[in-house]
Amino acid sequence: MTKGHIAALALLSGIAGVVYATLGLVELHTFRSGVYDLVIFDQVVRGYAEFALPGSLVKGQWNHIGIPLPIFSLT
């Protein structure tokens, strides 16, 4: 790869990053982000912060189980 190819790839990656970040912020600003976008990740971080196996009540409700579902399960 030449320096020109690396520069073009870096520029393209930067533009894609800015576009995706802008789209995500617009979704949050217009209240169009869903529950899966933030809540599950928040519950995972809280589980890790408590030194426990992370589980998600939202994922359990979505699957009609009613209890926190371990985040690493396949269902």
PDB file of N, CA and C in Angstrom:
ATOM      1  N   MET A   1       0.853  -1.192   0.000  1.00  0.00           N
ATOM      2  CA  MET A   1       0.000   0.000   0.000  1.00  0.00           C
ATOM      3  C   MET A   1       0.886   1.239   0.000  1.00  0.00           C
ATOM      4  N   THR A   2       0.464   2.176  -0.769  1.00  0.00           N
ATOM      5  CA  THR A   2       1.206   3.429  -0.814  1.00  0.00           C
ATOM      6  C   THR A   2       0.634   4.404   0.206  1.00  0.00           C
ATOM      7  N   LYS A   3       1.361   5.491   0.397  1.00  0.00           N
ATOM      8  CA  LYS A   3       0.893   6.507   1.346  1.00  0.00           C
ATOM      9  C   LYS A   3      -0.418   7.122   0.891  1.00  0.00           C
ATOM     10  N   GLY A   4      -0.618   7.211  -0.423  1.00  0.00           N
ATOM     11  CA  GLY A   4      -1.874   7.741  -0.946  1.00  0.00           C
ATOM     12  C   GLY A   4      -3.060   6.852  -0.615  1.00  0.00           C
ATOM     13  N   HIS A   5      -2.852   5.522  -0.704  1.00  0.00           N
ATOM     14  CA  HIS A   5      -3.926   4.589  -0.364  1.00  0.00           C
ATOM     15  C   HIS A   5      -4.252   4.652   1.124  1.00  0.00           C
ATOM     16  N   ILE A   6      -3.232   4.751   1.948  1.00  0.00           N
ATOM     17  CA  ILE A   6      -3.452   4.821   3.397  1.00  0.00           C
ATOM     18  C   ILE A   6      -4.182   6.105   3.758  1.00  0.00           C
ATOM     19  N   ALA A   7      -3.810   7.209   3.137  1.00  0.00           N
ATOM     20  CA  ALA A   7      -4.471   8.488   3.407  1.00  0.00           C
ATOM     21  C   ALA A   7      -5.931   8.445   2.960  1.00  0.00           C
ATOM     22  N   ALA A   8      -6.182   7.842   1.796  1.00  0.00           N
ATOM     23  CA  ALA A   8      -7.562   7.738   1.315  1.00  0.00           C
ATOM     24  C   ALA A   8      -8.397   6.856   2.233  1.00  0.00           C
ATOM     25  N   LEU A   9      -7.819   5.770   2.699  1.00  0.00           N
ATOM     26  CA  LEU A   9      -8.535   4.881   3.610  1.00  0.00           C
ATOM     27  C   LEU A   9      -8.815   5.570   4.942  1.00  0.00           C
ATOM     28  N   ALA A  10      -7.845   6.325   5.438  1.00  0.00           N
ATOM     29  CA  ALA A  10      -8.040   7.064   6.688  1.00  0.00           C
ATOM     30  C   ALA A  10      -9.127   8.117   6.528  1.00  0.00           C
ATOM     31  N   LEU A  11      -9.126   8.816   5.400  1.00  0.00           N
ATOM     32  CA  LEU A  11     -10.141   9.831   5.142  1.00  0.00           C
ATOM     33  C   LEU A  11     -11.529   9.205   5.039  1.00  0.00           C
ATOM     34  N   LEU A  12     -11.642   8.110   4.318  1.00  0.00           N
ATOM     35  CA  LEU A  12     -12.919   7.415   4.178  1.00  0.00           C
ATOM     36  C   LEU A  12     -13.420   6.897   5.527  1.00  0.00           C
ATOM     37  N   SER A  13     -12.527   6.364   6.332  1.00  0.00           N
ATOM     38  CA  SER A  13     -12.911   5.876   7.661  1.00  0.00           C
ATOM     39  C   SER A  13     -13.365   7.027   8.553  1.00  0.00           C
ATOM     40  N   GLY A  14     -12.678   8.141   8.480  1.00  0.00           N
ATOM     41  CA  GLY A  14     -13.072   9.310   9.272  1.00  0.00           C
ATOM     42  C   GLY A  14     -14.429   9.839   8.872  1.00  0.00           C
ATOM     43  N   ILE A  15     -14.675   9.915   7.573  1.00  0.00           N
ATOM     44  CA  ILE A  15     -15.978  10.390   7.089  1.00  0.00           C
ATOM     45  C   ILE A  15     -17.092   9.442   7.531  1.00  0.00           C
ATOM     46  N   ALA A  16     -16.862   8.136   7.414  1.00  0.00           N
ATOM     47  CA  ALA A  16     -17.877   7.160   7.839  1.00  0.00           C
ATOM     48  C   ALA A  16     -18.149   7.283   9.335  1.00  0.00           C
ATOM     49  N   GLY A  17     -17.106   7.484  10.130  1.00  0.00           N
ATOM     50  CA  GLY A  17     -17.286   7.643  11.572  1.00  0.00           C
ATOM     51  C   GLY A  17     -18.116   8.866  11.913  1.00  0.00           C
ATOM     52  N   VAL A  18     -17.843   9.975  11.242  1.00  0.00           N
ATOM     53  CA  VAL A  18     -18.606  11.204  11.485  1.00  0.00           C
ATOM     54  C   VAL A  18     -20.064  11.028  11.069  1.00  0.00           C
ATOM     55  N   VAL A  19     -20.303  10.387   9.935  1.00  0.00           N
ATOM     56  CA  VAL A  19     -21.676  10.176   9.465  1.00  0.00           C
ATOM     57  C   VAL A  19     -22.456   9.297  10.438  1.00  0.00           C
ATOM     58  N   TYR A  20     -21.869   8.177  10.892  1.00  0.00           N
ATOM     59  CA  TYR A  20     -22.574   7.288  11.813  1.00  0.00           C
ATOM     60  C   TYR A  20     -22.793   7.946  13.174  1.00  0.00           C
ATOM     61  N   ALA A  21     -21.834   8.708  13.647  1.00  0.00           N
ATOM     62  CA  ALA A  21     -22.010   9.412  14.918  1.00  0.00           C
ATOM     63  C   ALA A  21     -23.124  10.448  14.807  1.00  0.00           C
ATOM     64  N   THR A  22     -23.165  11.164  13.693  1.00  0.00           N
ATOM     65  CA  THR A  22     -24.219  12.160  13.483  1.00  0.00           C
ATOM     66  C   THR A  22     -25.596  11.501  13.426  1.00  0.00           C
ATOM     67  N   LEU A  23     -25.704  10.388  12.696  1.00  0.00           N
ATOM     68  CA  LEU A  23     -26.988   9.683  12.629  1.00  0.00           C
ATOM     69  C   LEU A  23     -27.425   9.192  14.009  1.00  0.00           C
ATOM     70  N   GLY A  24     -26.493   8.682  14.795  1.00  0.00           N
ATOM     71  CA  GLY A  24     -26.826   8.221  16.141  1.00  0.00           C
ATOM     72  C   GLY A  24     -27.289   9.356  17.038  1.00  0.00           C
ATOM     73  N   LEU A  25     -26.621  10.504  16.948  1.00  0.00           N
ATOM     74  CA  LEU A  25     -27.027  11.646  17.763  1.00  0.00           C
ATOM     75  C   LEU A  25     -28.378  12.199  17.337  1.00  0.00           C
ATOM     76  N   VAL A  26     -28.657  12.180  16.046  1.00  0.00           N
ATOM     77  CA  VAL A  26     -29.976  12.620  15.568  1.00  0.00           C
ATOM     78  C   VAL A  26     -31.061  11.683  16.093  1.00  0.00           C
ATOM     79  N   GLU A  27     -30.801  10.374  16.093  1.00  0.00           N
ATOM     80  CA  GLU A  27     -31.781   9.422  16.645  1.00  0.00           C
ATOM     81  C   GLU A  27     -32.044   9.713  18.118  1.00  0.00           C
ATOM     82  N   LEU A  28     -30.984   9.950  18.885  1.00  0.00           N
ATOM     83  CA  LEU A  28     -31.169  10.242  20.306  1.00  0.00           C
ATOM     84  C   LEU A  28     -31.896  11.564  20.512  1.00  0.00           C
ATOM     85  N   HIS A  29     -31.559  12.572  19.730  1.00  0.00           N
ATOM     86  CA  HIS A  29     -32.173  13.890  19.880  1.00  0.00           C
ATOM     87  C   HIS A  29     -33.649  13.881  19.527  1.00  0.00           C
ATOM     88  N   THR A  30     -34.052  13.051  18.575  1.00  0.00           N
ATOM     89  CA  THR A  30     -35.449  12.992  18.157  1.00  0.00           C
ATOM     90  C   THR A  30     -36.218  11.872  18.859  1.00  0.00           C
ATOM     91  N   PHE A  31     -35.605  11.267  19.875  1.00  0.00           N
ATOM     92  CA  PHE A  31     -36.234  10.206  20.671  1.00  0.00           C
ATOM     93  C   PHE A  31     -36.672   9.027  19.814  1.00  0.00           C
ATOM     94  N   ARG A  32     -35.861   8.634  18.853  1.00  0.00           N
ATOM     95  CA  ARG A  32     -36.180   7.511  17.982  1.00  0.00           C
ATOM     96  C   ARG A  32     -35.322   6.281  18.267  1.00  0.00           C
ATOM     97  N   SER A  33     -34.512   6.344  19.297  1.00  0.00           N
ATOM     98  CA  SER A  33     -33.692   5.173  19.626  1.00  0.00           C
ATOM     99  C   SER A  33     -34.528   4.205  20.449  1.00  0.00           C
ATOM    100  N   GLY A  34     -34.329   2.931  20.216  1.00  0.00           N
ATOM    101  CA  GLY A  34     -35.121   1.919  20.899  1.00  0.00           C
ATOM    102  C   GLY A  34     -34.506   1.482  22.210  1.00  0.00           C
ATOM    103  N   VAL A  35     -35.202   0.610  22.894  1.00  0.00           N
ATOM    104  CA  VAL A  35     -34.760   0.104  24.178  1.00  0.00           C
ATOM    105  C   VAL A  35     -33.463  -0.690  24.059  1.00  0.00           C
ATOM    106  N   TYR A  36     -33.326  -1.427  22.984  1.00  0.00           N
ATOM    107  CA  TYR A  36     -32.137  -2.242  22.817  1.00  0.00           C
ATOM    108  C   TYR A  36     -30.884  -1.397  22.611  1.00  0.00           C
ATOM    109  N   ASP A  37     -31.040  -0.155  22.181  1.00  0.00           N
ATOM    110  CA  ASP A  37     -29.881   0.670  21.891  1.00  0.00           C
ATOM    111  C   ASP A  37     -29.093   1.030  23.148  1.00  0.00           C
ATOM    112  N   LEU A  38     -29.758   1.288  24.243  1.00  0.00           N
ATOM    113  CA  LEU A  38     -29.046   1.781  25.416  1.00  0.00           C
ATOM    114  C   LEU A  38     -29.228   0.945  26.674  1.00  0.00           C
ATOM    115  N   VAL A  39     -30.424   0.470  26.913  1.00  0.00           N
ATOM    116  CA  VAL A  39     -30.741  -0.151  28.203  1.00  0.00           C
ATOM    117  C   VAL A  39     -29.970  -1.441  28.426  1.00  0.00           C
ATOM    118  N   ILE A  40     -29.887  -2.281  27.418  1.00  0.00           N
ATOM    119  CA  ILE A  40     -29.197  -3.558  27.594  1.00  0.00           C
ATOM    120  C   ILE A  40     -27.732  -3.318  27.932  1.00  0.00           C
ATOM    121  N   PHE A  41     -27.100  -2.385  27.235  1.00  0.00           N
ATOM    122  CA  PHE A  41     -25.694  -2.105  27.502  1.00  0.00           C
ATOM    123  C   PHE A  41     -25.506  -1.490  28.883  1.00  0.00           C
ATOM    124  N   ASP A  42     -26.449  -0.643  29.305  1.00  0.00           N
ATOM    125  CA  ASP A  42     -26.396  -0.072  30.642  1.00  0.00           C
ATOM    126  C   ASP A  42     -26.510  -1.172  31.697  1.00  0.00           C
ATOM    127  N   GLN A  43     -27.406  -2.130  31.486  1.00  0.00           N
ATOM    128  CA  GLN A  43     -27.573  -3.214  32.450  1.00  0.00           C
ATOM    129  C   GLN A  43     -26.350  -4.119  32.486  1.00  0.00           C
ATOM    130  N   VAL A  44     -25.691  -4.307  31.348  1.00  0.00           N
ATOM    131  CA  VAL A  44     -24.471  -5.114  31.310  1.00  0.00           C
ATOM    132  C   VAL A  44     -23.367  -4.431  32.106  1.00  0.00           C
ATOM    133  N   VAL A  45     -23.186  -3.132  31.909  1.00  0.00           N
ATOM    134  CA  VAL A  45     -22.148  -2.399  32.635  1.00  0.00           C
ATOM    135  C   VAL A  45     -22.429  -2.416  34.129  1.00  0.00           C
ATOM    136  N   ARG A  46     -23.689  -2.263  34.509  1.00  0.00           N
ATOM    137  CA  ARG A  46     -24.038  -2.314  35.931  1.00  0.00           C
ATOM    138  C   ARG A  46     -23.754  -3.699  36.521  1.00  0.00           C
ATOM    139  N   GLY A  47     -24.022  -4.740  35.745  1.00  0.00           N
ATOM    140  CA  GLY A  47     -23.723  -6.091  36.216  1.00  0.00           C
ATOM    141  C   GLY A  47     -22.236  -6.298  36.430  1.00  0.00           C
ATOM    142  N   TYR A  48     -21.434  -5.836  35.484  1.00  0.00           N
ATOM    143  CA  TYR A  48     -19.979  -5.940  35.636  1.00  0.00           C
ATOM    144  C   TYR A  48     -19.494  -5.100  36.808  1.00  0.00           C
ATOM    145  N   ALA A  49     -20.098  -3.928  37.028  1.00  0.00           N
ATOM    146  CA  ALA A  49     -19.684  -3.059  38.130  1.00  0.00           C
ATOM    147  C   ALA A  49     -19.961  -3.711  39.484  1.00  0.00           C
ATOM    148  N   GLU A  50     -20.961  -4.576  39.534  1.00  0.00           N
ATOM    149  CA  GLU A  50     -21.285  -5.296  40.770  1.00  0.00           C
ATOM    150  C   GLU A  50     -20.557  -6.631  40.851  1.00  0.00           C
ATOM    151  N   PHE A  51     -19.624  -6.886  39.926  1.00  0.00           N
ATOM    152  CA  PHE A  51     -18.866  -8.141  39.859  1.00  0.00           C
ATOM    153  C   PHE A  51     -19.789  -9.350  39.794  1.00  0.00           C
ATOM    154  N   ALA A  52     -20.836  -9.229  38.994  1.00  0.00           N
ATOM    155  CA  ALA A  52     -21.818 -10.302  38.819  1.00  0.00           C
ATOM    156  C   ALA A  52     -21.937 -10.636  37.334  1.00  0.00           C
ATOM    157  N   LEU A  53     -22.579 -11.755  37.041  1.00  0.00           N
ATOM    158  CA  LEU A  53     -22.866 -12.122  35.667  1.00  0.00           C
ATOM    159  C   LEU A  53     -23.895 -11.136  35.114  1.00  0.00           C
ATOM    160  N   PRO A  54     -23.577 -10.436  34.039  1.00  0.00           N
ATOM    161  CA  PRO A  54     -24.518  -9.421  33.563  1.00  0.00           C
ATOM    162  C   PRO A  54     -25.781 -10.042  32.988  1.00  0.00           C
ATOM    163  N   GLY A  55     -26.895  -9.512  33.419  1.00  0.00           N
ATOM    164  CA  GLY A  55     -28.189  -9.962  32.917  1.00  0.00           C
ATOM    165  C   GLY A  55     -29.014  -8.763  32.508  1.00  0.00           C
ATOM    166  N   SER A  56     -29.993  -8.987  31.655  1.00  0.00           N
ATOM    167  CA  SER A  56     -30.819  -7.900  31.164  1.00  0.00           C
ATOM    168  C   SER A  56     -32.288  -8.216  31.373  1.00  0.00           C
ATOM    169  N   LEU A  57     -32.944  -7.400  32.178  1.00  0.00           N
ATOM    170  CA  LEU A  57     -34.381  -7.563  32.394  1.00  0.00           C
ATOM    171  C   LEU A  57     -35.148  -7.254  31.114  1.00  0.00           C
ATOM    172  N   VAL A  58     -34.672  -6.290  30.336  1.00  0.00           N
ATOM    173  CA  VAL A  58     -35.334  -5.930  29.079  1.00  0.00           C
ATOM    174  C   VAL A  58     -35.304  -7.113  28.112  1.00  0.00           C
ATOM    175  N   LYS A  59     -34.167  -7.781  28.029  1.00  0.00           N
ATOM    176  CA  LYS A  59     -34.059  -8.934  27.133  1.00  0.00           C
ATOM    177  C   LYS A  59     -34.957 -10.070  27.618  1.00  0.00           C
ATOM    178  N   GLY A  60     -35.076 -10.238  28.923  1.00  0.00           N
ATOM    179  CA  GLY A  60     -35.976 -11.252  29.465  1.00  0.00           C
ATOM    180  C   GLY A  60     -37.432 -10.937  29.193  1.00  0.00           C
ATOM    181  N   GLN A  61     -37.806  -9.651  29.281  1.00  0.00           N
ATOM    182  CA  GLN A  61     -39.181  -9.261  28.981  1.00  0.00           C
ATOM    183  C   GLN A  61     -39.479  -9.428  27.495  1.00  0.00           C
ATOM    184  N   TRP A  62     -38.512  -9.106  26.654  1.00  0.00           N
ATOM    185  CA  TRP A  62     -38.697  -9.225  25.201  1.00  0.00           C
ATOM    186  C   TRP A  62     -38.949 -10.678  24.811  1.00  0.00           C
ATOM    187  N   ASN A  63     -38.279 -11.600  25.487  1.00  0.00           N
ATOM    188  CA  ASN A  63     -38.441 -13.021  25.196  1.00  0.00           C
ATOM    189  C   ASN A  63     -39.556 -13.653  26.022  1.00  0.00           C
ATOM    190  N   HIS A  64     -40.359 -12.842  26.713  1.00  0.00           N
ATOM    191  CA  HIS A  64     -41.511 -13.284  27.510  1.00  0.00           C
ATOM    192  C   HIS A  64     -41.117 -14.263  28.609  1.00  0.00           C
ATOM    193  N   ILE A  65     -39.955 -14.037  29.207  1.00  0.00           N
ATOM    194  CA  ILE A  65     -39.518 -14.894  30.307  1.00  0.00           C
ATOM    195  C   ILE A  65     -39.865 -14.245  31.639  1.00  0.00           C
ATOM    196  N   GLY A  66     -39.690 -12.923  31.747  1.00  0.00           N
ATOM    197  CA  GLY A  66     -40.072 -12.195  32.946  1.00  0.00           C
ATOM    198  C   GLY A  66     -38.982 -12.071  33.984  1.00  0.00           C
ATOM    199  N   ILE A  67     -37.851 -12.691  33.764  1.00  0.00           N
ATOM    200  CA  ILE A  67     -36.726 -12.578  34.699  1.00  0.00           C
ATOM    201  C   ILE A  67     -35.515 -12.068  33.919  1.00  0.00           C
ATOM    202  N   PRO A  68     -34.524 -11.520  34.618  1.00  0.00           N
ATOM    203  CA  PRO A  68     -33.323 -11.083  33.902  1.00  0.00           C
ATOM    204  C   PRO A  68     -32.667 -12.250  33.170  1.00  0.00           C
ATOM    205  N   LEU A  69     -32.428 -12.057  31.915  1.00  0.00           N
ATOM    206  CA  LEU A  69     -31.823 -13.093  31.069  1.00  0.00           C
ATOM    207  C   LEU A  69     -30.326 -12.832  30.976  1.00  0.00           C
ATOM    208  N   PRO A  70     -29.496 -13.850  31.163  1.00  0.00           N
ATOM    209  CA  PRO A  70     -28.059 -13.628  31.020  1.00  0.00           C
ATOM    210  C   PRO A  70     -27.741 -13.078  29.632  1.00  0.00           C
ATOM    211  N   ILE A  71     -26.897 -12.099  29.581  1.00  0.00           N
ATOM    212  CA  ILE A  71     -26.629 -11.409  28.339  1.00  0.00           C
ATOM    213  C   ILE A  71     -25.903 -12.284  27.336  1.00  0.00           C
ATOM    214  N   PHE A  72     -25.215 -13.302  27.797  1.00  0.00           N
ATOM    215  CA  PHE A  72     -24.445 -14.160  26.897  1.00  0.00           C
ATOM    216  C   PHE A  72     -25.229 -15.358  26.386  1.00  0.00           C
ATOM    217  N   SER A  73     -26.530 -15.432  26.690  1.00  0.00           N
ATOM    218  CA  SER A  73     -27.335 -16.540  26.173  1.00  0.00           C
ATOM    219  C   SER A  73     -27.666 -16.293  24.705  1.00  0.00           C
ATOM    220  N   LEU A  74     -27.993 -17.315  23.989  1.00  0.00           N
ATOM    221  CA  LEU A  74     -28.258 -17.207  22.562  1.00  0.00           C
ATOM    222  C   LEU A  74     -29.701 -16.875  22.240  1.00  0.00           C
ATOM    223  N   THR A  75     -30.590 -16.848  23.217  1.00  0.00           N
ATOM    224  CA  THR A  75     -31.995 -16.568  22.932  1.00  0.00           C
ATOM    225  C   THR A  75     -32.297 -15.096  23.012  1.00  0.00           C
TER     226      THR A  75
END
